C-alpha atoms as a PDB file:
ATOM      1  CA  TYR A   1     -18.468   6.547   5.449  1.00  0.00           C
ATOM      2  CA  ILE A   2     -19.201   7.008   1.729  1.00  0.00           C
ATOM      3  CA  ASP A   3     -22.126   4.841   0.612  1.00  0.00           C
ATOM      4  CA  SER A   4     -22.995   6.517  -2.677  1.00  0.00           C
ATOM      5  CA  ALA A   5     -21.533   7.116  -6.123  1.00  0.00           C
ATOM      6  CA  GLN A   6     -19.989  10.398  -5.054  1.00  0.00           C
ATOM      7  CA  THR A   7     -16.599  11.989  -4.526  1.00  0.00           C
ATOM      8  CA  ALA A   8     -15.458  13.180  -1.107  1.00  0.00           C
ATOM      9  CA  THR A   9     -12.675  15.772  -1.198  1.00  0.00           C
ATOM     10  CA  VAL A  10     -10.704  16.737   1.917  1.00  0.00           C
ATOM     11  CA  LYS A  11      -8.030  19.466   1.983  1.00  0.00           C
ATOM     12  CA  ASN A  12      -5.864  20.814   4.792  1.00  0.00           C
ATOM     13  CA  SER A  13      -7.751  18.769   7.377  1.00  0.00           C
ATOM     14  CA  ASN A  14      -7.285  15.840   9.761  1.00  0.00           C
ATOM     15  CA  ILE A  15      -9.253  12.697  10.596  1.00  0.00           C
ATOM     16  CA  ASP A  16      -8.692  10.980  13.966  1.00  0.00           C
ATOM     17  CA  THR A  17     -10.880   8.002  14.847  1.00  0.00           C
ATOM     18  CA  THR A  18     -11.052   4.896  17.025  1.00  0.00           C
ATOM     19  CA  ASN A  19     -12.512   2.874  14.122  1.00  0.00           C
ATOM     20  CA  ILE A  20     -11.990   3.082  10.318  1.00  0.00           C
ATOM     21  CA  GLY A  21     -10.661   6.422   9.111  1.00  0.00           C
ATOM     22  CA  VAL A  22     -12.440   6.457   5.722  1.00  0.00           C
ATOM     23  CA  ASN A  23     -14.798   3.703   4.532  1.00  0.00           C
ATOM     24  CA  LEU A  24     -15.583   3.599   0.795  1.00  0.00           C
ATOM     25  CA  GLN A  25     -18.635   1.365   0.814  1.00  0.00           C
ATOM     26  CA  HIS A  26     -20.194   2.073  -2.585  1.00  0.00           C
ATOM     27  CA  ASP A  27     -18.785   0.378  -5.691  1.00  0.00           C
ATOM     28  CA  THR A  28     -17.884   3.701  -7.327  1.00  0.00           C
ATOM     29  CA  SER A  29     -17.064   5.936  -4.347  1.00  0.00           C
ATOM     30  CA  LYS A  30     -14.092   8.277  -4.713  1.00  0.00           C
ATOM     31  CA  PHE A  31     -11.922   9.831  -2.024  1.00  0.00           C
ATOM     32  CA  ILE A  32      -9.458  12.646  -2.639  1.00  0.00           C
ATOM     33  CA  MET A  33      -7.299  14.084   0.127  1.00  0.00           C
ATOM     34  CA  GLU A  34      -4.632  16.757  -0.134  1.00  0.00           C
ATOM     35  CA  THR A  35      -2.497  17.829   2.826  1.00  0.00           C
ATOM     36  CA  GLY A  36      -3.622  16.367   6.134  1.00  0.00           C
ATOM     37  CA  THR A  37      -3.516  13.387   8.459  1.00  0.00           C
ATOM     38  CA  ILE A  38      -5.656  10.281   8.923  1.00  0.00           C
ATOM     39  CA  LYS A  39      -5.104   8.387  12.166  1.00  0.00           C
ATOM     40  CA  SER A  40      -7.153   5.316  13.083  1.00  0.00           C
ATOM     41  CA  ASN A  41      -7.159   2.261  15.317  1.00  0.00           C
ATOM     42  CA  SER A  42      -8.598   0.096  12.521  1.00  0.00           C
ATOM     43  CA  TYR A  43      -8.093   0.501   8.754  1.00  0.00           C
ATOM     44  CA  GLY A  44      -7.010   3.967   7.742  1.00  0.00           C
ATOM     45  CA  ILE A  45      -8.864   3.632   4.434  1.00  0.00           C
ATOM     46  CA  ASN A  46     -11.121   0.670   3.629  1.00  0.00           C
ATOM     47  CA  ALA A  47     -11.777   0.476  -0.126  1.00  0.00           C
ATOM     48  CA  TYR A  48     -14.728  -1.902  -0.146  1.00  0.00           C
ATOM     49  CA  GLY A  49     -16.154  -0.914  -3.535  1.00  0.00           C
ATOM     50  CA  THR A  50     -15.253  -2.582  -6.820  1.00  0.00           C
ATOM     51  CA  THR A  51     -14.149   0.498  -8.789  1.00  0.00           C
ATOM     52  CA  THR A  52     -13.352   3.014  -6.089  1.00  0.00           C
ATOM     53  CA  ASP A  53     -10.639   5.654  -6.445  1.00  0.00           C
ATOM     54  CA  VAL A  54      -8.339   6.820  -3.642  1.00  0.00           C
ATOM     55  CA  ASN A  55      -6.032   9.770  -4.323  1.00  0.00           C
ATOM     56  CA  LEU A  56      -3.706  10.992  -1.567  1.00  0.00           C
ATOM     57  CA  LYS A  57      -1.317  13.924  -1.987  1.00  0.00           C
ATOM     58  CA  ASP A  58       0.883  15.107   0.895  1.00  0.00           C
ATOM     59  CA  VAL A  59      -1.109  13.000   3.367  1.00  0.00           C
ATOM     60  CA  LYS A  60       0.108  11.185   6.474  1.00  0.00           C
ATOM     61  CA  LEU A  61      -1.964   8.027   7.066  1.00  0.00           C
ATOM     62  CA  ILE A  62      -1.489   5.894  10.181  1.00  0.00           C
ATOM     63  CA  SER A  63      -3.285   2.725  11.273  1.00  0.00           C
ATOM     64  CA  GLU A  64      -2.210   1.898  14.807  1.00  0.00           C
ATOM     65  CA  ASN A  65      -3.653  -1.631  14.937  1.00  0.00           C
ATOM     66  CA  ALA A  66      -4.437  -2.769  11.385  1.00  0.00           C
ATOM     67  CA  THR A  67      -3.585  -2.146   7.728  1.00  0.00           C
ATOM     68  CA  ALA A  68      -3.415   1.473   6.612  1.00  0.00           C
ATOM     69  CA  ILE A  69      -5.028   1.035   3.153  1.00  0.00           C
ATOM     70  CA  TYR A  70      -7.145  -2.076   2.737  1.00  0.00           C
ATOM     71  CA  ASP A  71      -8.655  -3.145  -0.602  1.00  0.00           C
ATOM     72  CA  ASN A  72     -10.585  -6.366  -0.192  1.00  0.00           C
ATOM     73  CA  ARG A  73     -13.056  -7.057  -3.006  1.00  0.00           C
ATOM     74  CA  SER A  74     -12.929  -8.662  -6.427  1.00  0.00           C
ATOM     75  CA  GLY A  75     -14.173  -6.860  -9.523  1.00  0.00           C
ATOM     76  CA  GLY A  76     -12.904  -3.485 -10.474  1.00  0.00           C
ATOM     77  CA  PRO A  77     -10.092  -2.759 -10.259  1.00  0.00           C
ATOM     78  CA  ASN A  78      -9.912  -0.025  -7.656  1.00  0.00           C
ATOM     79  CA  ASN A  79      -7.320   2.709  -8.196  1.00  0.00           C
ATOM     80  CA  ILE A  80      -4.965   3.835  -5.420  1.00  0.00           C
ATOM     81  CA  THR A  81      -2.696   6.824  -6.144  1.00  0.00           C
ATOM     82  CA  LEU A  82      -0.147   8.208  -3.682  1.00  0.00           C
ATOM     83  CA  GLU A  83       1.963  11.305  -4.197  1.00  0.00           C
ATOM     84  CA  GLY A  84       4.274  12.677  -1.543  1.00  0.00           C
ATOM     85  CA  SER A  85       2.455  10.757   1.185  1.00  0.00           C
ATOM     86  CA  GLU A  86       3.387   8.620   4.196  1.00  0.00           C
ATOM     87  CA  VAL A  87       1.407   5.440   4.858  1.00  0.00           C
ATOM     88  CA  THR A  88       2.039   3.361   7.992  1.00  0.00           C
ATOM     89  CA  GLY A  89       0.234   0.205   9.090  1.00  0.00           C
ATOM     90  CA  ALA A  90       0.623  -2.092  12.076  1.00  0.00           C
ATOM     91  CA  GLU A  91      -0.085  -5.160   9.900  1.00  0.00           C
ATOM     92  CA  HIS A  92       0.517  -4.435   6.214  1.00  0.00           C
ATOM     93  CA  GLY A  93       1.152  -0.898   5.100  1.00  0.00           C
ATOM     94  CA  ILE A  94      -1.115  -1.461   2.082  1.00  0.00           C
ATOM     95  CA  TYR A  95      -3.100  -4.620   1.283  1.00  0.00           C
ATOM     96  CA  LEU A  96      -4.524  -4.910  -2.235  1.00  0.00           C
ATOM     97  CA  TYR A  97      -6.802  -7.624  -3.525  1.00  0.00           C
ATOM     98  CA  ASN A  98      -7.811  -6.150  -6.860  1.00  0.00           C
ATOM     99  CA  ALA A  99      -6.419  -2.674  -7.422  1.00  0.00           C
ATOM    100  CA  ASN A 100      -3.998  -0.593  -9.402  1.00  0.00           C
ATOM    101  CA  ILE A 101      -1.522   1.172  -7.154  1.00  0.00           C
ATOM    102  CA  ILE A 102       0.689   3.991  -8.376  1.00  0.00           C
ATOM    103  CA  ALA A 103       2.966   5.581  -5.775  1.00  0.00           C
ATOM    104  CA  SER A 104       5.450   8.421  -6.267  1.00  0.00           C
ATOM    105  CA  ASN A 105       7.709  10.100  -3.692  1.00  0.00           C
ATOM    106  CA  SER A 106       5.890   8.274  -0.905  1.00  0.00           C
ATOM    107  CA  ILE A 107       6.940   6.283   2.154  1.00  0.00           C
ATOM    108  CA  ILE A 108       5.013   3.075   2.856  1.00  0.00           C
ATOM    109  CA  THR A 109       5.782   1.328   6.142  1.00  0.00           C
ATOM    110  CA  THR A 110       4.740  -1.737   8.091  1.00  0.00           C
ATOM    111  CA  THR A 111       5.565  -1.759  11.795  1.00  0.00           C
ATOM    112  CA  SER A 112       4.706  -5.460  12.058  1.00  0.00           C
ATOM    113  CA  VAL A 113       7.176  -7.872  13.654  1.00  0.00           C
ATOM    114  CA  ASN A 114       5.974 -10.722  11.401  1.00  0.00           C
ATOM    115  CA  ARG A 115       8.051 -11.384   8.282  1.00  0.00           C
ATOM    116  CA  ASP A 116       4.865 -12.472   6.470  1.00  0.00           C
ATOM    117  CA  ASN A 117       3.487  -8.951   6.704  1.00  0.00           C
ATOM    118  CA  TYR A 118       4.578  -6.451   4.078  1.00  0.00           C
ATOM    119  CA  ALA A 119       4.809  -2.756   3.378  1.00  0.00           C
ATOM    120  CA  VAL A 120       2.851  -3.494   0.149  1.00  0.00           C
ATOM    121  CA  TYR A 121       0.947  -6.775  -0.263  1.00  0.00           C
ATOM    122  CA  TYR A 122      -0.844  -7.590  -3.532  1.00  0.00           C
ATOM    123  CA  ASN A 123      -2.961 -10.720  -3.324  1.00  0.00           C
ATOM    124  CA  ALA A 124      -4.311 -12.488  -6.389  1.00  0.00           C
ATOM    125  CA  GLY A 125      -6.760  -9.996  -7.890  1.00  0.00           C
ATOM    126  CA  PRO A 126      -7.136 -10.527 -11.648  1.00  0.00           C
ATOM    127  CA  ASN A 127      -7.174  -6.923 -12.880  1.00  0.00           C
ATOM    128  CA  GLY A 128      -4.737  -4.834 -10.862  1.00  0.00           C
ATOM    129  CA  SER A 129      -1.109  -3.729 -11.055  1.00  0.00           C
ATOM    130  CA  VAL A 130       1.732  -2.506  -8.847  1.00  0.00           C
ATOM    131  CA  THR A 131       3.714   0.548  -9.998  1.00  0.00           C
ATOM    132  CA  LEU A 132       6.101   2.145  -7.536  1.00  0.00           C
ATOM    133  CA  ASN A 133       7.858   5.192  -8.936  1.00  0.00           C
ATOM    134  CA  GLU A 134      10.847   7.373  -8.151  1.00  0.00           C
ATOM    135  CA  GLY A 135      11.274   8.508  -4.577  1.00  0.00           C
ATOM    136  CA  THR A 136       9.048   5.801  -3.115  1.00  0.00           C
ATOM    137  CA  VAL A 137      10.417   3.911  -0.100  1.00  0.00           C
ATOM    138  CA  LEU A 138       9.076   0.688   1.423  1.00  0.00           C
ATOM    139  CA  ASN A 139      10.126   0.271   5.062  1.00  0.00           C
ATOM    140  CA  ALA A 140       9.797  -2.983   7.013  1.00  0.00           C
ATOM    141  CA  GLU A 141      12.194  -2.965   9.939  1.00  0.00           C
ATOM    142  CA  LYS A 142      10.938  -6.303  11.308  1.00  0.00           C
ATOM    143  CA  ALA A 143       8.851  -7.585   8.394  1.00  0.00           C
ATOM    144  CA  SER A 144       9.066  -7.724   4.559  1.00  0.00           C
ATOM    145  CA  GLY A 145       8.899  -5.215   1.732  1.00  0.00           C
ATOM    146  CA  LEU A 146       6.769  -6.171  -1.294  1.00  0.00           C
ATOM    147  CA  TYR A 147       4.616  -9.203  -2.086  1.00  0.00           C
ATOM    148  CA  SER A 148       2.931  -9.547  -5.479  1.00  0.00           C
ATOM    149  CA  TYR A 149       0.860 -12.596  -6.413  1.00  0.00           C
ATOM    150  CA  TYR A 150       0.548 -13.261 -10.151  1.00  0.00           C
ATOM    151  CA  LYS A 151       0.928  -9.596 -11.103  1.00  0.00           C
ATOM    152  CA  GLY A 152       4.633  -8.838 -10.972  1.00  0.00           C
ATOM    153  CA  ALA A 153       5.578  -5.215 -10.337  1.00  0.00           C
ATOM    154  CA  THR A 154       7.267  -2.144 -11.763  1.00  0.00           C
ATOM    155  CA  LEU A 155       9.931  -0.685  -9.457  1.00  0.00           C
ATOM    156  CA  ASN A 156      11.178   2.595 -10.905  1.00  0.00           C
ATOM    157  CA  GLY A 157      13.747   4.318  -8.697  1.00  0.00           C
ATOM    158  CA  VAL A 158      12.411   2.701  -5.512  1.00  0.00           C
ATOM    159  CA  THR A 159      14.121   1.821  -2.231  1.00  0.00           C
ATOM    160  CA  ILE A 160      13.001  -1.247  -0.268  1.00  0.00           C
ATOM    161  CA  ASN A 161      14.277  -1.765   3.293  1.00  0.00           C
ATOM    162  CA  ALA A 162      13.410  -5.123   4.863  1.00  0.00           C
ATOM    163  CA  ASP A 163      15.707  -5.577   7.832  1.00  0.00           C
ATOM    164  CA  ALA A 164      14.452  -8.667   9.667  1.00  0.00           C
ATOM    165  CA  GLU A 165      15.958 -12.138   9.651  1.00  0.00           C
ATOM    166  CA  ASN A 166      14.388 -14.398   6.993  1.00  0.00           C
ATOM    167  CA  SER A 167      12.609 -11.424   5.434  1.00  0.00           C
ATOM    168  CA  TYR A 168      11.820 -10.742   1.795  1.00  0.00           C
ATOM    169  CA  GLY A 169      12.725  -7.540   0.014  1.00  0.00           C
ATOM    170  CA  ALA A 170      10.457  -8.371  -2.924  1.00  0.00           C
ATOM    171  CA  TYR A 171       8.563 -11.669  -3.126  1.00  0.00           C
ATOM    172  CA  ILE A 172       7.054 -12.134  -6.591  1.00  0.00           C
ATOM    173  CA  TYR A 173       4.864 -15.228  -6.875  1.00  0.00           C
ATOM    174  CA  GLY A 174       3.620 -16.619 -10.162  1.00  0.00           C
ATOM    175  CA  PRO A 175       4.060 -15.569 -13.791  1.00  0.00           C
ATOM    176  CA  GLY A 176       3.880 -11.772 -13.512  1.00  0.00           C
ATOM    177  CA  THR A 177       6.563  -9.581 -15.112  1.00  0.00           C
ATOM    178  CA  VAL A 178       8.987  -7.667 -12.899  1.00  0.00           C
ATOM    179  CA  ASN A 179      10.493  -4.405 -14.201  1.00  0.00           C
ATOM    180  CA  ILE A 180      13.277  -3.004 -12.019  1.00  0.00           C
ATOM    181  CA  LYS A 181      14.997   0.160 -13.220  1.00  0.00           C
ATOM    182  CA  ASN A 182      16.461   3.595 -12.535  1.00  0.00           C
ATOM    183  CA  GLY A 183      18.567   2.789  -9.507  1.00  0.00           C
ATOM    184  CA  THR A 184      16.055   0.770  -7.514  1.00  0.00           C
ATOM    185  CA  THR A 185      17.727  -0.489  -4.317  1.00  0.00           C
ATOM    186  CA  ILE A 186      16.637  -3.482  -2.244  1.00  0.00           C
ATOM    187  CA  ASN A 187      18.234  -3.733   1.214  1.00  0.00           C
ATOM    188  CA  THR A 188      17.815  -6.982   3.178  1.00  0.00           C
ATOM    189  CA  PRO A 189      20.651  -7.127   5.738  1.00  0.00           C
ATOM    190  CA  GLY A 190      19.060  -9.734   8.029  1.00  0.00           C
ATOM    191  CA  CYS A 191      20.388 -13.261   8.342  1.00  0.00           C
ATOM    192  CA  SER A 192      18.902 -15.684   5.746  1.00  0.00           C
ATOM    193  CA  SER A 193      16.892 -12.915   4.089  1.00  0.00           C
ATOM    194  CA  TYR A 194      16.143 -12.528   0.370  1.00  0.00           C
ATOM    195  CA  GLY A 195      16.551  -9.463  -1.816  1.00  0.00           C
ATOM    196  CA  MET A 196      14.368 -10.903  -4.616  1.00  0.00           C
ATOM    197  CA  TYR A 197      12.418 -14.111  -4.239  1.00  0.00           C
ATOM    198  CA  TYR A 198      10.793 -15.063  -7.528  1.00  0.00           C
END
């Protein structure tokens, strides 16, 4: 629980909790983790501040009953950076209201059985962006891959797997720009599913 304008750095360590794994309560809190595991029953990381930074490198993050990374305030934006990490949520993998997300060589998964839950869900914040870079995989065996509301997305060498019936590989709502390049692959084999819905 970080309720001050400070940076918490965790290396080669694990966090296992029945509640929220890491709560960034202050507007300018920062959390850096390199090599380790966060396992929680609620949110893995709750970015409640308005300009918080979350940097994960070689981290395995699991929320067994909620969203793994949850950003839920206007202002900011917050900054979420993933490198070589695995993020798994029971609802959304990552839910962003007003954040910049940059992910590289990372696996982001939702285990939800609801097609309206997503590996990455970006909802309406005015200042953020979605940039998924080479080696990043979005997995949604029984749900959907990417949702971006009014912000578009950059998909640079990304794989999206959304296997359910009626699912969405990438659902882009509103006027945002979509940049898809460098061999990005969207797999939606389910009946009546959409690769891109724009």
